[in-house]
Every structure is written in structure tokens, then in C-alpha cells.
Amino acid sequence: MRHEVCTWLSMRTIALPAVLSLLLLSPLAAQEPPAVGLAGALRGEEGGPGRRLLGPVRDAVVAAAEKGTIPADQIATRAGNQVDARVLIEGPAIFGEVAAMIAKAEHEVLIQEFYWVSGCQASDRIVAGLRALQARRKAGGAKTPVRVYAVVNVHRLIARHAKRDLDRDLARAGLDPRWVIVETALFRQKLIGNLHTKSFVVDGHGALLTSANVHEKQDAPAPWYELGFTCRGPVAGSLRADFAQVWQQCSGEALPPLALEPPSLPGDTPCVITTRPADGNPIRNNTQDPAAQGYLAAFAQAKERIRILMPHLNDTAILRALAAALERGVRVEIVLSLGKGKVRVSLPWQGGTNRKGVKKLYRLLNKDPAARARLDVRWFSRDGKSAMEGNGAGVNHAKYVTVDGRLAIVGSSNLDEQAINHSREVNLVVERPDLVAAWDRQAFEPVFARSIPAR
């Protein structure tokens, strides 16, 4: 409750009448040079096994590139991409992997986080990773330091603790600039236009996307249910371009280029990165950005089944897209958090609770009993007996979507009015049936089986 209320209050420090007259800051254009051309990255895909879903999704996302954070020719990549079939589940596993990635860095570490609290298990692991990095560089007699760049979201009501806690963790890492240099920048939230991204990129060719913030909700023994996904290759370069854009926006300086050739990897997983910049205008409802277009295009292509695991589902455009899929004969399986962030989502322009969103979705299907029968909504449960309600220990905060057992969208975006219309977000879209099946088995199917029917 504290986290959700504090987050919303940080968005609402200006009276509503004044909101309508504010000019919102637009993010600067990405400064990264294109690493992989779109045509070259996806050469050979036409007519291949990935075309039916990823092709139209890619096309919709690229068409909306000007409304995103990375150039069109870095949105889609394929040759050299490796995406891990292992899903990192919950904070200890996610931030343990983050620490391991940091410890192995040779040149650069990039960190984007929405929320940061010092002294939690997640920040302890990041500090441990930085210390291990320094020890390795020192023992190896490195001639140049690894540079670490971190951006966190701040606002008046949370700026003190976010900046203070980040600085405190960096100080306790005890870093020597001969081995590790750290620079930080603050994303100054405008009204409800926040930085909601959670990404870690190492040396421009390894990355981790997650739903997890750096705060005490990740602490064992009862962490929130979160997911993390790792990837390597040109797709990580696309995520570096996303970070370069926000670094330029927040620091006023270009992210220095990496003076190294990325390793040649044997992977061949087609990937699309979808993004959206922050937009603090609370009355603006616009889905013309790459992140929203990615979801809408994927739902429009669905033929058999859509699976969704989310903390929040209330965006009107998303609900209509799901209703259209159900009416086409698609089965939709959804697991939602019950009562999570109830205070925030009940405020104006936030879309309402998940109960309200579910009722709206069923109402859209009032004239189609068969479509209603294909919709299966459940409340997240740990024990299979009762739904977990509110913002307490162990609740669901994961963001996960799969379509037809072959395409997945994972990352930072919820499916609510806030994420679809206002927050800065980044997601990874992949199409590979064996990979998606492995992810479903780990992240979705056990949760769906034990969760509680909503009707």
C-alpha cells in the first residue's frame, strides 16, 4: 500500500485545472547510430515460420517508430540473437542474475529503474555485483575502468528517497574510479508521465528485462511474483539505444559510443523491441506508440489463444482488442492481481480496478455468449485456495503475454491506462514456439492452474 500510494501521490502535486495547460516535455531523439538494418536483420523471414505473427507486429511497431524511443532500423533484429529459455522468477533470482551480469562487465553497465530503495535484498545484490566487478578488474590489472550509468525515476514526493537511496548504495559499494566509474541521472517525472522501465544492459550485447523494481517487495521469504528475461546479441544493442535516449534526455549528454565489436553469436531468434516515451498529460489517450501498437497488433493476429499475466488490466483499447479476438474464436486466459494498487487505479484517468476492467470486458461480449465462454479470468493465488489481495507480500507484479503459443511480449508494461498512455516503457517481443512453450511452462501455466476463477 505504501508503495502504490506514494507512487500515485508523486504524480499528482499540481492541481487538476492547471494540468490542462501544461506543456509536456518530449524526449530527445535517440543519438545511437543504427547497428543492424531492418531489412538485413529480418532477411529470409518472408514466408518463414515467424511471418504470420511477428511480421505484422513488426510492421505496426516500425510504422509507429517516431512515437517511440529508438530508431526504426533498430527495432527489429534477428541474426545473432540469443534469448534464454530460462525464466527468472522473483526478485532473488532476477537480481542475482543482474549481479552476475554486472560482475562480468568489461566496458559498460546501463541501469534503468522506476523505483529504488537502499538496503533491500535487490539493492544488496546490485552492490555485491559492483564490488565483485571491481575486485575482478583490480585483480586482473585492468587498464581502463568499467563505466556504470544509472537512471531512476524521481518526483517531489519520492525524489529524496530515490536519489538518496541510489547514492547511498553506490557509496557503500566502495568503488575506486581506477576500476569502476559510476554516473547517475534522474528522470524527473512530469505529473503522471513516469519512467517505468526496468532494464539492465552490459557491454551492449547482454541485457535483462524485468517487471521488478529495486525495493523491499523483492525480499525473500515472500517476494512479489516477478519475471525476468535475458537476451544477448543485436537485440541488446537495441535496448542500449533505448537507454541512450533516456540518458541524453536526463543528463543532457550523449552516451559515449562503445569502442568494440559485438561478439558474433550463433543465435537466430527474431526479436522486436517496443517502447513508448513518458506523457504526463492525464487526459491524453493515444495508442500510436510502438509499445501499444505491439500489443494491439499481436492481439489482432491471434487465431487460437492469448495468455495474459498482469497486475493491471483496464485500458479501453486493449479491452476492445481482446473482445475482438474472443469474438473471432480465440480463447483468452488471464491471471490478474486482485485489488493491487486500488487507490491509484481508482483515481481519475487511471482506468479503475481490475474488477472494473473484467466487468467491462464481459460487457463488451454481452451479445456473444460463445465469446464470453472462451474468456477465463482468474485472480492470482499462491495456495490455490484464495486470491491474494492488495499490495502485500507475495502478490503478482509480472507483465507477461503470449499469443498462439508462439509469440511473447515481456518487459515493463502493464495493460492499464497508465502504462498504455503515460509511462515510459520497454518490452521485448519474440516469436519462437519452443521458447514460448518453455516460458509458458515456467511462468504462466502453474500460476493459471492454481489461481481462482474471477466469476
Protein backbone atom coordinates (compact mmCIF):
# COMPACT_ATOMS: atom_id res chain seq x y z
CA MET A 1 0.00 0.00 0.00
CA ARG A 2 2.79 2.44 0.89
CA HIS A 3 4.49 1.94 -2.47
CA GLU A 4 1.30 2.32 -4.53
CA VAL A 5 0.02 5.40 -2.65
CA CYS A 6 3.44 7.09 -2.68
CA THR A 7 3.81 6.42 -6.39
CA TRP A 8 0.41 7.93 -7.21
CA LEU A 9 0.88 10.90 -4.91
CA SER A 10 4.13 11.64 -6.67
CA MET A 11 2.11 12.06 -9.87
CA ARG A 12 -0.41 14.50 -8.50
CA THR A 13 1.31 17.52 -6.98
CA ILE A 14 -0.26 20.01 -9.40
CA ALA A 15 -3.93 20.93 -9.23
CA LEU A 16 -6.06 19.37 -11.96
CA PRO A 17 -7.16 22.65 -13.57
CA ALA A 18 -3.53 23.55 -14.13
CA VAL A 19 -2.83 20.18 -15.71
CA LEU A 20 -4.74 21.00 -18.87
CA SER A 21 -2.50 23.95 -19.69
CA LEU A 22 0.89 22.33 -19.13
CA LEU A 23 3.28 21.70 -21.98
CA LEU A 24 4.83 18.28 -21.63
CA LEU A 25 8.46 17.58 -22.24
CA SER A 26 9.17 15.46 -25.31
CA PRO A 27 12.08 13.01 -25.15
CA LEU A 28 15.03 13.83 -27.34
CA ALA A 29 15.64 11.81 -30.46
CA ALA A 30 17.86 8.79 -29.95
CA GLN A 31 21.50 9.52 -30.67
CA GLU A 32 22.68 5.97 -31.25
CA PRO A 33 23.87 5.09 -34.77
CA PRO A 34 21.97 2.18 -36.32
CA ALA A 35 23.63 -1.12 -35.55
CA VAL A 36 21.55 -3.53 -37.58
CA GLY A 37 19.41 -2.58 -40.55
CA LEU A 38 15.82 -3.76 -40.53
CA ALA A 39 15.99 -5.45 -43.91
CA GLY A 40 19.25 -7.21 -43.08
CA ALA A 41 18.12 -8.24 -39.63
CA LEU A 42 15.00 -10.00 -40.85
CA ARG A 43 16.23 -11.15 -44.25
CA GLY A 44 14.73 -14.51 -45.08
CA GLU A 45 11.74 -14.13 -42.77
CA GLU A 46 9.16 -13.69 -45.54
CA GLY A 47 7.29 -16.94 -45.91
CA GLY A 48 9.12 -18.42 -42.93
CA PRO A 49 7.58 -19.80 -39.76
CA GLY A 50 7.62 -16.44 -37.95
CA ARG A 51 5.90 -14.33 -40.56
CA ARG A 52 2.27 -14.87 -39.62
CA LEU A 53 2.60 -13.21 -36.19
CA LEU A 54 5.85 -11.30 -35.85
CA GLY A 55 5.77 -9.79 -39.33
CA PRO A 56 2.56 -7.78 -38.81
CA VAL A 57 3.60 -6.89 -35.26
CA ARG A 58 6.98 -5.68 -36.50
CA ASP A 59 5.35 -3.67 -39.28
CA ALA A 60 2.96 -1.94 -36.86
CA VAL A 61 5.77 -1.16 -34.42
CA VAL A 62 8.13 0.18 -37.09
CA ALA A 63 5.33 2.34 -38.53
CA ALA A 64 5.00 3.95 -35.09
CA ALA A 65 8.75 4.36 -34.54
CA GLU A 66 8.64 8.17 -34.42
CA LYS A 67 6.44 7.87 -31.30
CA GLY A 68 8.97 5.61 -29.56
CA THR A 69 12.46 5.91 -28.12
CA ILE A 70 14.67 4.07 -30.64
CA PRO A 71 15.17 4.45 -34.41
CA ALA A 72 13.09 2.32 -36.78
CA ASP A 73 16.11 0.40 -38.04
CA GLN A 74 16.99 -0.79 -34.52
CA ILE A 75 13.54 -2.04 -33.60
CA ALA A 76 13.79 -5.47 -35.26
CA THR A 77 16.81 -7.80 -35.14
CA ARG A 78 17.42 -11.46 -35.79
CA ALA A 79 20.86 -12.75 -36.78
CA GLY A 80 23.00 -13.31 -33.67
CA ASN A 81 20.17 -13.01 -31.16
CA GLN A 82 20.07 -15.41 -28.23
CA VAL A 83 17.11 -15.35 -25.85
CA ASP A 84 17.32 -17.52 -22.74
CA ALA A 85 14.65 -20.19 -22.34
CA ARG A 86 15.05 -19.93 -18.58
CA VAL A 87 12.64 -17.50 -16.90
CA LEU A 88 13.98 -15.74 -13.82
CA ILE A 89 11.17 -15.92 -11.30
CA GLU A 90 11.01 -13.49 -8.36
CA GLY A 91 13.47 -10.95 -7.01
CA PRO A 92 16.20 -13.20 -5.59
CA ALA A 93 16.71 -14.96 -8.94
CA ILE A 94 16.29 -11.79 -11.03
CA PHE A 95 18.70 -9.61 -9.08
CA GLY A 96 21.09 -12.49 -8.56
CA GLU A 97 21.39 -12.65 -12.35
CA VAL A 98 21.73 -8.86 -12.53
CA ALA A 99 24.63 -9.05 -10.07
CA ALA A 100 26.31 -11.81 -12.09
CA MET A 101 26.00 -9.79 -15.30
CA ILE A 102 27.44 -6.68 -13.66
CA ALA A 103 30.36 -8.64 -12.20
CA LYS A 104 31.37 -9.84 -15.69
CA ALA A 105 31.24 -6.44 -17.43
CA GLU A 106 34.24 -5.35 -19.47
CA HIS A 107 33.25 -1.88 -20.61
CA GLU A 108 29.82 -0.60 -19.58
CA VAL A 109 26.76 -1.25 -17.40
CA LEU A 110 23.45 0.54 -18.03
CA ILE A 111 20.68 0.58 -15.40
CA GLN A 112 17.13 1.94 -15.75
CA GLU A 113 14.76 1.59 -12.79
CA PHE A 114 11.44 3.07 -11.75
CA TYR A 115 11.86 2.62 -8.00
CA TRP A 116 14.98 2.32 -5.82
CA VAL A 117 15.18 1.59 -2.08
CA SER A 118 18.53 1.16 -0.32
CA GLY A 119 19.17 -1.78 1.93
CA CYS A 120 16.69 -4.18 0.33
CA GLN A 121 17.84 -7.55 -0.98
CA ALA A 122 17.70 -6.36 -4.60
CA SER A 123 19.98 -3.37 -3.96
CA ASP A 124 22.25 -5.55 -1.82
CA ARG A 125 22.74 -7.88 -4.79
CA ILE A 126 23.48 -4.99 -7.15
CA VAL A 127 26.04 -3.62 -4.69
CA ALA A 128 27.59 -7.09 -4.43
CA GLY A 129 27.80 -7.24 -8.23
CA LEU A 130 29.57 -3.88 -8.37
CA ARG A 131 32.02 -4.96 -5.67
CA ALA A 132 32.72 -8.22 -7.50
CA LEU A 133 33.27 -6.27 -10.73
CA GLN A 134 35.78 -4.01 -9.03
CA ALA A 135 37.61 -6.91 -7.41
CA ARG A 136 37.90 -8.73 -10.74
CA ARG A 137 39.13 -5.65 -12.60
CA LYS A 138 41.67 -4.88 -9.89
CA ALA A 139 42.97 -8.45 -9.71
CA GLY A 140 43.30 -8.56 -13.48
CA GLY A 141 45.22 -5.30 -13.64
CA ALA A 142 42.68 -3.63 -15.93
CA LYS A 143 43.96 -0.51 -17.66
CA THR A 144 40.59 1.24 -18.02
CA PRO A 145 37.57 1.41 -15.71
CA VAL A 146 34.15 -0.04 -16.44
CA ARG A 147 31.62 2.80 -16.67
CA VAL A 148 28.25 2.38 -14.99
CA TYR A 149 25.34 4.65 -15.93
CA ALA A 150 22.13 4.60 -13.89
CA VAL A 151 18.82 6.43 -14.40
CA VAL A 152 15.98 6.37 -11.86
CA ASN A 153 12.55 7.98 -11.79
CA VAL A 154 12.05 10.81 -9.28
CA HIS A 155 9.39 13.30 -8.29
CA ARG A 156 8.98 15.78 -5.44
CA LEU A 157 7.40 13.34 -3.03
CA ILE A 158 9.80 10.48 -3.77
CA ALA A 159 12.88 12.32 -5.07
CA ARG A 160 14.52 12.46 -1.66
CA HIS A 161 14.44 8.75 -1.05
CA ALA A 162 15.09 7.65 -4.66
CA LYS A 163 18.18 9.78 -5.19
CA ARG A 164 19.35 9.42 -1.60
CA ASP A 165 19.00 5.65 -1.65
CA LEU A 166 20.71 5.23 -5.01
CA ASP A 167 23.61 7.42 -3.85
CA ARG A 168 23.76 5.54 -0.56
CA ASP A 169 24.06 2.18 -2.33
CA LEU A 170 26.74 3.44 -4.67
CA ALA A 171 28.68 4.85 -1.73
CA ARG A 172 28.56 1.60 0.23
CA ALA A 173 29.84 -0.28 -2.82
CA GLY A 174 33.18 1.48 -2.13
CA LEU A 175 34.09 1.88 -5.78
CA ASP A 176 37.51 3.12 -6.87
CA PRO A 177 37.41 5.15 -10.12
CA ARG A 178 40.51 3.33 -11.31
CA TRP A 179 38.33 0.24 -11.73
CA VAL A 180 34.67 1.38 -11.82
CA ILE A 181 33.22 4.83 -12.54
CA VAL A 182 29.53 5.48 -11.87
CA GLU A 183 27.40 8.29 -13.28
CA THR A 184 23.75 8.84 -12.42
CA ALA A 185 20.90 10.86 -13.88
CA LEU A 186 17.36 11.50 -12.69
CA PHE A 187 14.23 11.14 -14.78
CA ARG A 188 12.13 13.99 -13.42
CA GLN A 189 8.57 12.81 -13.66
CA LYS A 190 6.04 15.29 -15.06
CA LEU A 191 2.63 14.68 -13.48
CA ILE A 192 1.81 11.06 -14.39
CA GLY A 193 4.50 10.73 -17.07
CA ASN A 194 6.98 8.50 -15.29
CA LEU A 195 9.90 6.26 -16.22
CA HIS A 196 8.53 2.76 -15.63
CA THR A 197 11.27 0.84 -17.45
CA LYS A 198 13.33 -1.81 -15.68
CA SER A 199 16.32 -2.79 -17.81
CA PHE A 200 19.97 -3.74 -17.41
CA VAL A 201 22.38 -3.74 -20.38
CA VAL A 202 26.00 -4.89 -20.18
CA ASP A 203 28.66 -4.14 -22.80
CA GLY A 204 26.00 -3.50 -25.43
CA HIS A 205 25.44 -7.21 -26.13
CA GLY A 206 23.82 -8.64 -22.98
CA ALA A 207 20.58 -7.48 -21.38
CA LEU A 208 17.95 -8.31 -18.81
CA LEU A 209 14.37 -7.00 -18.89
CA THR A 210 12.20 -7.38 -15.83
CA SER A 211 8.99 -6.34 -14.13
CA ALA A 212 10.86 -5.95 -10.84
CA ASN A 213 11.76 -2.69 -9.10
CA VAL A 214 14.66 -2.32 -6.67
CA HIS A 215 12.73 -2.25 -3.41
CA GLU A 216 11.81 -4.31 -0.38
CA LYS A 217 8.90 -6.02 -2.15
CA GLN A 218 11.52 -8.31 -3.75
CA ASP A 219 12.79 -9.58 -0.41
CA ALA A 220 12.64 -13.26 0.49
CA PRO A 221 10.94 -15.14 2.04
CA ALA A 222 7.79 -13.67 0.45
CA PRO A 223 8.77 -11.64 -2.62
CA TRP A 224 6.31 -10.35 -5.17
CA TYR A 225 5.77 -12.62 -8.16
CA GLU A 226 8.06 -11.05 -10.80
CA LEU A 227 9.63 -12.22 -14.04
CA GLY A 228 12.98 -11.53 -15.69
CA PHE A 229 14.24 -12.40 -19.19
CA THR A 230 17.80 -12.33 -20.53
CA CYS A 231 18.98 -11.86 -24.10
CA ARG A 232 22.23 -11.39 -25.99
CA GLY A 233 23.22 -10.09 -29.40
CA PRO A 234 21.91 -7.22 -31.51
CA VAL A 235 18.66 -7.13 -29.53
CA ALA A 236 20.70 -5.94 -26.53
CA GLY A 237 22.10 -3.21 -28.77
CA SER A 238 18.52 -2.07 -29.39
CA LEU A 239 17.98 -1.88 -25.65
CA ARG A 240 21.20 0.13 -25.38
CA ALA A 241 19.71 2.59 -27.87
CA ASP A 242 16.67 2.94 -25.61
CA PHE A 243 18.94 3.74 -22.68
CA ALA A 244 20.96 6.20 -24.78
CA GLN A 245 17.78 8.14 -25.48
CA VAL A 246 16.82 8.46 -21.83
CA TRP A 247 20.39 9.26 -20.80
CA GLN A 248 20.50 12.10 -23.32
CA GLN A 249 17.13 13.33 -22.10
CA CYS A 250 18.03 13.22 -18.41
CA SER A 251 21.71 14.19 -18.37
CA GLY A 252 21.87 16.43 -21.42
CA GLU A 253 24.85 14.42 -22.65
CA ALA A 254 25.17 11.72 -25.29
CA LEU A 255 26.00 8.23 -24.07
CA PRO A 256 29.60 7.62 -25.23
CA PRO A 257 29.81 5.04 -28.03
CA LEU A 258 31.23 1.63 -27.25
CA ALA A 259 34.57 1.19 -29.00
CA LEU A 260 34.28 -2.54 -29.53
CA GLU A 261 32.88 -5.02 -31.99
CA PRO A 262 29.98 -7.03 -30.57
CA PRO A 263 30.67 -10.77 -30.43
CA SER A 264 29.35 -12.93 -33.25
CA LEU A 265 26.78 -15.26 -31.71
CA PRO A 266 25.14 -18.30 -33.32
CA GLY A 267 21.59 -17.35 -32.32
CA ASP A 268 18.81 -16.62 -34.79
CA THR A 269 15.81 -15.57 -32.69
CA PRO A 270 13.70 -12.84 -34.34
CA CYS A 271 13.11 -10.03 -31.83
CA VAL A 272 11.29 -6.71 -31.79
CA ILE A 273 11.77 -4.04 -29.12
CA THR A 274 8.69 -1.92 -28.41
CA THR A 275 8.91 1.35 -26.50
CA ARG A 276 6.97 4.43 -25.53
CA PRO A 277 8.13 7.75 -24.05
CA ALA A 278 6.53 9.26 -20.98
CA ASP A 279 3.49 11.51 -21.45
CA GLY A 280 2.26 13.31 -18.35
CA ASN A 281 -0.94 14.70 -19.85
CA PRO A 282 -3.63 12.83 -17.86
CA ILE A 283 -6.40 13.35 -20.41
CA ARG A 284 -4.42 12.19 -23.43
CA ASN A 285 -5.39 8.72 -24.63
CA ASN A 286 -3.13 7.74 -27.51
CA THR A 287 -2.09 4.26 -28.61
CA GLN A 288 0.01 5.31 -31.63
CA ASP A 289 3.33 4.46 -29.97
CA PRO A 290 5.34 1.27 -30.62
CA ALA A 291 4.56 -0.34 -27.25
CA ALA A 292 0.79 -0.05 -27.59
CA GLN A 293 0.91 -0.96 -31.27
CA GLY A 294 2.86 -4.10 -30.43
CA TYR A 295 0.14 -5.37 -28.12
CA LEU A 296 -2.72 -4.38 -30.42
CA ALA A 297 -1.13 -5.95 -33.50
CA ALA A 298 -0.36 -9.16 -31.62
CA PHE A 299 -3.94 -9.47 -30.37
CA ALA A 300 -5.26 -8.74 -33.87
CA GLN A 301 -3.20 -11.62 -35.28
CA ALA A 302 -4.26 -14.17 -32.66
CA LYS A 303 -6.06 -17.24 -34.01
CA GLU A 304 -6.09 -19.72 -31.14
CA ARG A 305 -5.14 -18.46 -27.68
CA ILE A 306 -3.99 -15.38 -25.79
CA ARG A 307 -2.44 -15.72 -22.34
CA ILE A 308 -2.02 -12.71 -20.03
CA LEU A 309 -0.41 -12.43 -16.58
CA MET A 310 -0.63 -8.85 -15.29
CA PRO A 311 -1.05 -6.73 -12.17
CA HIS A 312 -3.37 -4.31 -14.01
CA LEU A 313 -5.79 -4.59 -16.96
CA ASN A 314 -8.15 -1.69 -17.65
CA ASP A 315 -7.06 0.13 -20.83
CA THR A 316 -10.02 0.62 -23.18
CA ALA A 317 -8.14 -0.05 -26.43
CA ILE A 318 -6.63 -3.25 -25.01
CA LEU A 319 -10.01 -4.47 -23.73
CA ARG A 320 -11.60 -3.87 -27.12
CA ALA A 321 -8.79 -5.73 -28.87
CA LEU A 322 -9.27 -8.69 -26.53
CA ALA A 323 -13.04 -8.63 -27.11
CA ALA A 324 -12.47 -8.67 -30.88
CA ALA A 325 -10.16 -11.68 -30.53
CA LEU A 326 -12.71 -13.53 -28.41
CA GLU A 327 -15.40 -12.84 -30.99
CA ARG A 328 -13.13 -14.34 -33.69
CA GLY A 329 -12.97 -17.58 -31.73
CA VAL A 330 -9.74 -17.01 -29.77
CA ARG A 331 -9.56 -18.38 -26.24
CA VAL A 332 -8.26 -15.81 -23.73
CA GLU A 333 -6.73 -16.89 -20.41
CA ILE A 334 -5.96 -14.10 -17.93
CA VAL A 335 -4.44 -14.01 -14.45
CA LEU A 336 -4.75 -10.67 -12.64
CA SER A 337 -3.91 -9.28 -9.23
CA LEU A 338 -6.94 -8.67 -7.04
CA GLY A 339 -7.07 -5.21 -5.50
CA LYS A 340 -3.45 -4.31 -6.29
CA GLY A 341 -2.87 -0.55 -6.43
CA LYS A 342 -6.54 0.04 -5.73
CA VAL A 343 -6.02 3.63 -4.58
CA ARG A 344 -4.06 4.65 -7.67
CA VAL A 345 -6.20 2.94 -10.32
CA SER A 346 -9.40 4.33 -8.78
CA LEU A 347 -8.30 7.93 -9.33
CA PRO A 348 -9.31 9.91 -12.45
CA TRP A 349 -7.74 8.84 -15.77
CA GLN A 350 -6.31 5.65 -14.29
CA GLY A 351 -8.94 3.25 -15.61
CA GLY A 352 -10.31 1.66 -12.45
CA THR A 353 -9.70 -1.60 -10.63
CA ASN A 354 -9.21 -4.99 -12.24
CA ARG A 355 -12.73 -5.93 -11.17
CA LYS A 356 -14.00 -2.98 -13.18
CA GLY A 357 -11.81 -3.91 -16.15
CA VAL A 358 -13.01 -7.52 -16.13
CA LYS A 359 -16.65 -6.42 -15.95
CA LYS A 360 -16.10 -4.08 -18.88
CA LEU A 361 -14.56 -6.88 -20.93
CA TYR A 362 -17.52 -9.16 -20.25
CA ARG A 363 -19.94 -6.34 -21.10
CA LEU A 364 -18.25 -5.94 -24.49
CA LEU A 365 -19.24 -9.56 -25.12
CA ASN A 366 -22.86 -9.30 -23.96
CA LYS A 367 -24.24 -10.22 -27.38
CA ASP A 368 -21.92 -13.19 -27.88
CA PRO A 369 -22.34 -15.94 -25.26
CA ALA A 370 -19.86 -18.18 -27.08
CA ALA A 371 -17.18 -15.48 -26.86
CA ARG A 372 -17.89 -15.00 -23.16
CA ALA A 373 -17.42 -18.73 -22.66
CA ARG A 374 -13.97 -18.52 -24.24
CA LEU A 375 -12.84 -15.95 -21.65
CA ASP A 376 -11.26 -17.37 -18.49
CA VAL A 377 -10.18 -14.72 -15.94
CA ARG A 378 -8.60 -15.72 -12.63
CA TRP A 379 -7.25 -13.93 -9.56
CA PHE A 380 -3.63 -14.62 -8.69
CA SER A 381 -3.20 -17.15 -5.90
CA ARG A 382 -0.24 -18.76 -4.18
CA ASP A 383 -2.03 -21.62 -2.43
CA GLY A 384 -4.80 -22.41 -4.91
CA LYS A 385 -7.40 -21.73 -2.23
CA SER A 386 -7.73 -17.97 -2.00
CA ALA A 387 -6.82 -14.97 -4.11
CA MET A 388 -4.03 -12.74 -2.87
CA GLU A 389 -5.44 -9.25 -2.45
CA GLY A 390 -3.80 -5.83 -2.18
CA ASN A 391 -0.14 -4.84 -2.25
CA GLY A 392 1.27 -7.10 0.45
CA ALA A 393 3.97 -9.75 0.41
CA GLY A 394 3.90 -12.30 -2.37
CA VAL A 395 1.40 -10.65 -4.72
CA ASN A 396 1.69 -10.63 -8.51
CA HIS A 397 3.56 -7.87 -10.32
CA ALA A 398 4.62 -9.75 -13.50
CA LYS A 399 3.96 -8.50 -17.04
CA TYR A 400 3.61 -11.39 -19.48
CA VAL A 401 1.66 -12.02 -22.70
CA THR A 402 1.78 -14.89 -25.20
CA VAL A 403 -0.18 -15.39 -28.41
CA ASP A 404 -0.95 -18.74 -30.06
CA GLY A 405 1.86 -20.44 -28.17
CA ARG A 406 4.46 -18.89 -30.48
CA LEU A 407 4.82 -15.15 -29.76
CA ALA A 408 5.57 -13.50 -26.41
CA ILE A 409 5.67 -9.90 -25.16
CA VAL A 410 7.54 -9.34 -21.90
CA GLY A 411 9.01 -6.32 -20.13
CA SER A 412 7.77 -3.41 -18.04
CA SER A 413 4.31 -2.60 -19.45
CA ASN A 414 1.07 -3.21 -17.63
CA LEU A 415 -2.13 -3.27 -19.69
CA ASP A 416 -3.71 -0.33 -17.90
CA GLU A 417 -4.40 3.29 -18.81
CA GLN A 418 -1.22 4.44 -17.07
CA ALA A 419 1.18 2.15 -18.93
CA ILE A 420 -0.52 2.28 -22.32
CA ASN A 421 -0.91 6.07 -22.36
CA HIS A 422 1.51 7.72 -19.95
CA SER A 423 4.55 5.78 -18.70
CA ARG A 424 7.92 5.30 -20.36
CA GLU A 425 8.06 1.58 -21.14
CA VAL A 426 10.14 -1.03 -22.97
CA ASN A 427 9.17 -4.56 -23.98
CA LEU A 428 10.71 -7.48 -25.82
CA VAL A 429 8.66 -9.31 -28.48
CA VAL A 430 9.91 -12.72 -29.64
CA GLU A 431 8.46 -15.38 -31.89
CA ARG A 432 9.76 -18.90 -31.42
CA PRO A 433 7.30 -21.66 -30.48
CA ASP A 434 9.78 -23.76 -28.48
CA LEU A 435 10.90 -20.72 -26.47
CA VAL A 436 7.34 -19.53 -25.78
CA ALA A 437 6.30 -23.05 -24.75
CA ALA A 438 9.19 -23.16 -22.27
CA TRP A 439 8.25 -19.74 -20.88
CA ASP A 440 4.59 -20.72 -20.55
CA ARG A 441 5.51 -23.88 -18.65
CA GLN A 442 7.61 -21.92 -16.16
CA ALA A 443 5.85 -18.57 -15.79
CA PHE A 444 2.19 -18.98 -16.71
CA GLU A 445 0.78 -22.49 -16.55
CA PRO A 446 1.50 -23.22 -12.86
CA VAL A 447 0.11 -19.81 -11.88
CA PHE A 448 -3.01 -20.18 -14.01
CA ALA A 449 -3.68 -23.67 -12.64
CA ARG A 450 -3.68 -22.54 -9.01
CA SER A 451 -5.39 -19.16 -9.46
CA ILE A 452 -9.01 -18.50 -8.50
CA PRO A 453 -11.79 -18.01 -11.11
CA ALA A 454 -12.97 -14.41 -11.18
CA ARG A 455 -16.59 -15.35 -11.97
